[in-house]
Amino acid sequence: MLYRLFRDKENIEMITAIFMAWAIGANDSAKAVGTAVGSGILGFKRAVLLIGVFVFIGVFLGGSQVSSTVGGLAEGMGTQTVELVLFSAATTVTLASLWGNPISTTQAIIGALVGASIAEGLPIDWPVVEKIVVTWIVSPALAGTLAVGI
């Protein structure tokens, strides 16, 4: 049965996407509600329900801009390379989750995309990568400043 599951190309693509989605749920969703659950403001089940609802809404209302930016870094990659990028990022995020370490899924995906581009000799849109990295630096500083100010 496993042989049949992994034999078809479409199944491998789906399994890779499911693995990435699981990694996001295990790490990113946990970070989003961890503070509220840890402080006792929300129970775990209610937090999971809220994450499910608002992730669904967020994908439809705000996800296209980020998808476009990340997708642009995958230009010229074949299906197998993109599967490898997702698998590499999902594995990294899953290992961090198992060790109890919150990490950025975005950093894992961008790192995998840059690594795959280098391996395949594809051009890398360095200005976009730079903009993303600057955002990684600015966002925690901005959040901390807002938390102090509020």
C-alpha atoms as a PDB file:
ATOM      1  CA  MET A   1       0.000   0.000   0.000  1.00  0.00           C
ATOM      2  CA  LEU A   2       2.791   2.467   0.830  1.00  0.00           C
ATOM      3  CA  TYR A   3       4.393   1.651  -2.508  1.00  0.00           C
ATOM      4  CA  ARG A   4       1.191   2.703  -4.310  1.00  0.00           C
ATOM      5  CA  LEU A   5       0.944   5.837  -2.205  1.00  0.00           C
ATOM      6  CA  PHE A   6       4.471   6.989  -3.101  1.00  0.00           C
ATOM      7  CA  ARG A   7       4.384   5.725  -6.694  1.00  0.00           C
ATOM      8  CA  ASP A   8       2.105   8.430  -8.061  1.00  0.00           C
ATOM      9  CA  LYS A   9       3.659  11.872  -8.461  1.00  0.00           C
ATOM     10  CA  GLU A  10       0.458  13.618  -7.372  1.00  0.00           C
ATOM     11  CA  ASN A  11       0.450  11.674  -4.089  1.00  0.00           C
ATOM     12  CA  ILE A  12       4.018  12.733  -3.325  1.00  0.00           C
ATOM     13  CA  GLU A  13       3.085  16.374  -3.934  1.00  0.00           C
ATOM     14  CA  MET A  14       0.076  16.019  -1.636  1.00  0.00           C
ATOM     15  CA  ILE A  15       2.064  14.246   1.087  1.00  0.00           C
ATOM     16  CA  THR A  16       4.722  16.982   0.977  1.00  0.00           C
ATOM     17  CA  ALA A  17       2.050  19.701   1.225  1.00  0.00           C
ATOM     18  CA  ILE A  18       0.386  17.898   4.141  1.00  0.00           C
ATOM     19  CA  PHE A  19       3.737  17.543   5.908  1.00  0.00           C
ATOM     20  CA  MET A  20       4.398  21.280   5.485  1.00  0.00           C
ATOM     21  CA  ALA A  21       0.895  22.138   6.742  1.00  0.00           C
ATOM     22  CA  TRP A  22       1.430  19.888   9.776  1.00  0.00           C
ATOM     23  CA  ALA A  23       4.770  21.579  10.514  1.00  0.00           C
ATOM     24  CA  ILE A  24       3.110  24.999  10.318  1.00  0.00           C
ATOM     25  CA  GLY A  25       0.376  23.854  12.688  1.00  0.00           C
ATOM     26  CA  ALA A  26       2.867  22.357  15.120  1.00  0.00           C
ATOM     27  CA  ASN A  27       5.098  25.428  15.289  1.00  0.00           C
ATOM     28  CA  ASP A  28       3.504  28.611  13.971  1.00  0.00           C
ATOM     29  CA  SER A  29      -0.002  28.038  15.276  1.00  0.00           C
ATOM     30  CA  ALA A  30       1.378  27.031  18.652  1.00  0.00           C
ATOM     31  CA  LYS A  31       3.339  30.290  18.821  1.00  0.00           C
ATOM     32  CA  ALA A  32       0.297  32.338  17.869  1.00  0.00           C
ATOM     33  CA  VAL A  33      -1.777  31.108  20.818  1.00  0.00           C
ATOM     34  CA  GLY A  34       0.954  29.936  23.179  1.00  0.00           C
ATOM     35  CA  THR A  35       0.994  33.136  25.194  1.00  0.00           C
ATOM     36  CA  ALA A  36      -2.797  33.176  25.641  1.00  0.00           C
ATOM     37  CA  VAL A  37      -2.900  29.473  26.581  1.00  0.00           C
ATOM     38  CA  GLY A  38       0.142  29.698  28.851  1.00  0.00           C
ATOM     39  CA  SER A  39      -1.297  32.681  30.715  1.00  0.00           C
ATOM     40  CA  GLY A  40      -4.659  30.959  31.141  1.00  0.00           C
ATOM     41  CA  ILE A  41      -6.606  33.477  29.053  1.00  0.00           C
ATOM     42  CA  LEU A  42      -7.630  30.739  26.609  1.00  0.00           C
ATOM     43  CA  GLY A  43      -7.991  27.006  27.001  1.00  0.00           C
ATOM     44  CA  PHE A  44      -6.137  24.784  24.530  1.00  0.00           C
ATOM     45  CA  LYS A  45      -9.258  23.565  22.683  1.00  0.00           C
ATOM     46  CA  ARG A  46     -10.638  27.076  22.255  1.00  0.00           C
ATOM     47  CA  ALA A  47      -7.232  28.272  21.047  1.00  0.00           C
ATOM     48  CA  VAL A  48      -7.101  25.484  18.444  1.00  0.00           C
ATOM     49  CA  LEU A  49     -10.589  26.408  17.233  1.00  0.00           C
ATOM     50  CA  LEU A  50      -9.661  30.099  16.965  1.00  0.00           C
ATOM     51  CA  ILE A  51      -6.481  29.291  15.064  1.00  0.00           C
ATOM     52  CA  GLY A  52      -8.408  27.104  12.625  1.00  0.00           C
ATOM     53  CA  VAL A  53     -11.040  29.746  11.944  1.00  0.00           C
ATOM     54  CA  PHE A  54      -8.683  32.684  11.616  1.00  0.00           C
ATOM     55  CA  VAL A  55      -6.024  30.864   9.606  1.00  0.00           C
ATOM     56  CA  PHE A  56      -8.761  29.965   7.128  1.00  0.00           C
ATOM     57  CA  ILE A  57      -9.960  33.587   6.979  1.00  0.00           C
ATOM     58  CA  GLY A  58      -6.411  34.961   6.821  1.00  0.00           C
ATOM     59  CA  VAL A  59      -5.451  32.786   3.869  1.00  0.00           C
ATOM     60  CA  PHE A  60      -8.319  34.168   1.837  1.00  0.00           C
ATOM     61  CA  LEU A  61      -8.111  37.804   2.914  1.00  0.00           C
ATOM     62  CA  GLY A  62      -4.392  38.410   3.325  1.00  0.00           C
ATOM     63  CA  GLY A  63      -2.370  35.488   2.057  1.00  0.00           C
ATOM     64  CA  SER A  64      -2.029  36.396  -1.611  1.00  0.00           C
ATOM     65  CA  GLN A  65       0.640  39.090  -1.122  1.00  0.00           C
ATOM     66  CA  VAL A  66       2.921  36.806   0.886  1.00  0.00           C
ATOM     67  CA  SER A  67       2.263  33.895  -1.482  1.00  0.00           C
ATOM     68  CA  SER A  68       3.247  36.100  -4.396  1.00  0.00           C
ATOM     69  CA  THR A  69       6.505  37.188  -2.734  1.00  0.00           C
ATOM     70  CA  VAL A  70       7.540  33.667  -1.737  1.00  0.00           C
ATOM     71  CA  GLY A  71       6.314  32.171  -5.006  1.00  0.00           C
ATOM     72  CA  GLY A  72       8.457  34.638  -6.937  1.00  0.00           C
ATOM     73  CA  LEU A  73      11.558  33.154  -5.318  1.00  0.00           C
ATOM     74  CA  ALA A  74      10.570  29.749  -6.733  1.00  0.00           C
ATOM     75  CA  GLU A  75      10.475  30.939 -10.350  1.00  0.00           C
ATOM     76  CA  GLY A  76      12.197  28.533 -12.695  1.00  0.00           C
ATOM     77  CA  MET A  77      12.068  25.618 -10.244  1.00  0.00           C
ATOM     78  CA  GLY A  78      10.522  22.348 -11.287  1.00  0.00           C
ATOM     79  CA  THR A  79       7.944  20.455  -9.291  1.00  0.00           C
ATOM     80  CA  GLN A  80      10.510  18.113  -7.746  1.00  0.00           C
ATOM     81  CA  THR A  81      12.654  21.022  -6.578  1.00  0.00           C
ATOM     82  CA  VAL A  82       9.676  22.764  -4.986  1.00  0.00           C
ATOM     83  CA  GLU A  83       8.746  19.486  -3.272  1.00  0.00           C
ATOM     84  CA  LEU A  84      12.311  19.279  -1.942  1.00  0.00           C
ATOM     85  CA  VAL A  85      12.113  22.897  -0.727  1.00  0.00           C
ATOM     86  CA  LEU A  86       8.865  22.170   1.143  1.00  0.00           C
ATOM     87  CA  PHE A  87      10.182  18.882   2.525  1.00  0.00           C
ATOM     88  CA  SER A  88      13.414  20.531   3.713  1.00  0.00           C
ATOM     89  CA  ALA A  89      11.556  23.390   5.382  1.00  0.00           C
ATOM     90  CA  ALA A  90       8.948  21.079   6.919  1.00  0.00           C
ATOM     91  CA  THR A  91      11.671  18.785   8.279  1.00  0.00           C
ATOM     92  CA  THR A  92      13.529  21.723   9.815  1.00  0.00           C
ATOM     93  CA  VAL A  93      10.371  23.126  11.425  1.00  0.00           C
ATOM     94  CA  THR A  94       9.265  19.672  12.625  1.00  0.00           C
ATOM     95  CA  LEU A  95      12.624  18.949  14.267  1.00  0.00           C
ATOM     96  CA  ALA A  96      12.537  22.331  16.005  1.00  0.00           C
ATOM     97  CA  SER A  97       8.969  21.633  17.171  1.00  0.00           C
ATOM     98  CA  LEU A  98       9.941  18.232  18.559  1.00  0.00           C
ATOM     99  CA  TRP A  99      12.756  19.953  20.478  1.00  0.00           C
ATOM    100  CA  GLY A 100      10.296  22.584  21.762  1.00  0.00           C
ATOM    101  CA  ASN A 101      11.957  25.434  19.843  1.00  0.00           C
ATOM    102  CA  PRO A 102       9.809  28.062  18.148  1.00  0.00           C
ATOM    103  CA  ILE A 103      11.320  28.907  14.760  1.00  0.00           C
ATOM    104  CA  SER A 104      10.155  30.800  11.724  1.00  0.00           C
ATOM    105  CA  THR A 105       8.612  28.673   9.007  1.00  0.00           C
ATOM    106  CA  THR A 106       9.226  31.595   6.668  1.00  0.00           C
ATOM    107  CA  GLN A 107      12.941  31.545   7.428  1.00  0.00           C
ATOM    108  CA  ALA A 108      13.050  27.804   6.773  1.00  0.00           C
ATOM    109  CA  ILE A 109      11.232  28.157   3.446  1.00  0.00           C
ATOM    110  CA  ILE A 110      13.271  31.160   2.274  1.00  0.00           C
ATOM    111  CA  GLY A 111      16.493  29.384   3.256  1.00  0.00           C
ATOM    112  CA  ALA A 112      15.425  26.272   1.360  1.00  0.00           C
ATOM    113  CA  LEU A 113      14.437  28.338  -1.696  1.00  0.00           C
ATOM    114  CA  VAL A 114      17.782  30.170  -1.741  1.00  0.00           C
ATOM    115  CA  GLY A 115      19.662  26.895  -1.222  1.00  0.00           C
ATOM    116  CA  ALA A 116      17.753  25.173  -4.033  1.00  0.00           C
ATOM    117  CA  SER A 117      18.333  28.142  -6.340  1.00  0.00           C
ATOM    118  CA  ILE A 118      22.069  27.999  -5.637  1.00  0.00           C
ATOM    119  CA  ALA A 119      22.128  24.226  -6.188  1.00  0.00           C
ATOM    120  CA  GLU A 120      20.301  24.535  -9.516  1.00  0.00           C
ATOM    121  CA  GLY A 121      22.185  27.609 -10.685  1.00  0.00           C
ATOM    122  CA  LEU A 122      19.000  29.671 -10.825  1.00  0.00           C
ATOM    123  CA  PRO A 123      19.034  33.433 -10.362  1.00  0.00           C
ATOM    124  CA  ILE A 124      18.131  34.681  -6.887  1.00  0.00           C
ATOM    125  CA  ASP A 125      16.141  37.872  -6.454  1.00  0.00           C
ATOM    126  CA  TRP A 126      18.483  39.287  -3.804  1.00  0.00           C
ATOM    127  CA  PRO A 127      16.541  42.555  -3.339  1.00  0.00           C
ATOM    128  CA  VAL A 128      13.452  40.536  -2.365  1.00  0.00           C
ATOM    129  CA  VAL A 129      15.512  38.306  -0.050  1.00  0.00           C
ATOM    130  CA  GLU A 130      17.053  41.436   1.509  1.00  0.00           C
ATOM    131  CA  LYS A 131      13.588  42.959   2.043  1.00  0.00           C
ATOM    132  CA  ILE A 132      12.446  39.757   3.762  1.00  0.00           C
ATOM    133  CA  VAL A 133      15.536  39.584   5.994  1.00  0.00           C
ATOM    134  CA  VAL A 134      15.156  43.247   6.985  1.00  0.00           C
ATOM    135  CA  THR A 135      11.556  42.486   7.945  1.00  0.00           C
ATOM    136  CA  TRP A 136      12.800  39.621  10.145  1.00  0.00           C
ATOM    137  CA  ILE A 137      14.939  42.144  12.008  1.00  0.00           C
ATOM    138  CA  VAL A 138      12.442  44.994  12.148  1.00  0.00           C
ATOM    139  CA  SER A 139       9.336  42.996  13.144  1.00  0.00           C
ATOM    140  CA  PRO A 140      10.522  41.811  16.595  1.00  0.00           C
ATOM    141  CA  ALA A 141      11.871  45.278  17.365  1.00  0.00           C
ATOM    142  CA  LEU A 142       8.589  46.885  16.289  1.00  0.00           C
ATOM    143  CA  ALA A 143       6.503  44.389  18.272  1.00  0.00           C
ATOM    144  CA  GLY A 144       8.647  44.984  21.373  1.00  0.00           C
ATOM    145  CA  THR A 145       8.374  48.739  20.971  1.00  0.00           C
ATOM    146  CA  LEU A 146       4.595  48.520  20.604  1.00  0.00           C
ATOM    147  CA  ALA A 147       4.369  46.267  23.672  1.00  0.00           C
ATOM    148  CA  VAL A 148       6.353  48.768  25.734  1.00  0.00           C
ATOM    149  CA  GLY A 149       4.359  51.696  24.377  1.00  0.00           C
ATOM    150  CA  ILE A 150       0.950  50.159  24.893  1.00  0.00           C
END
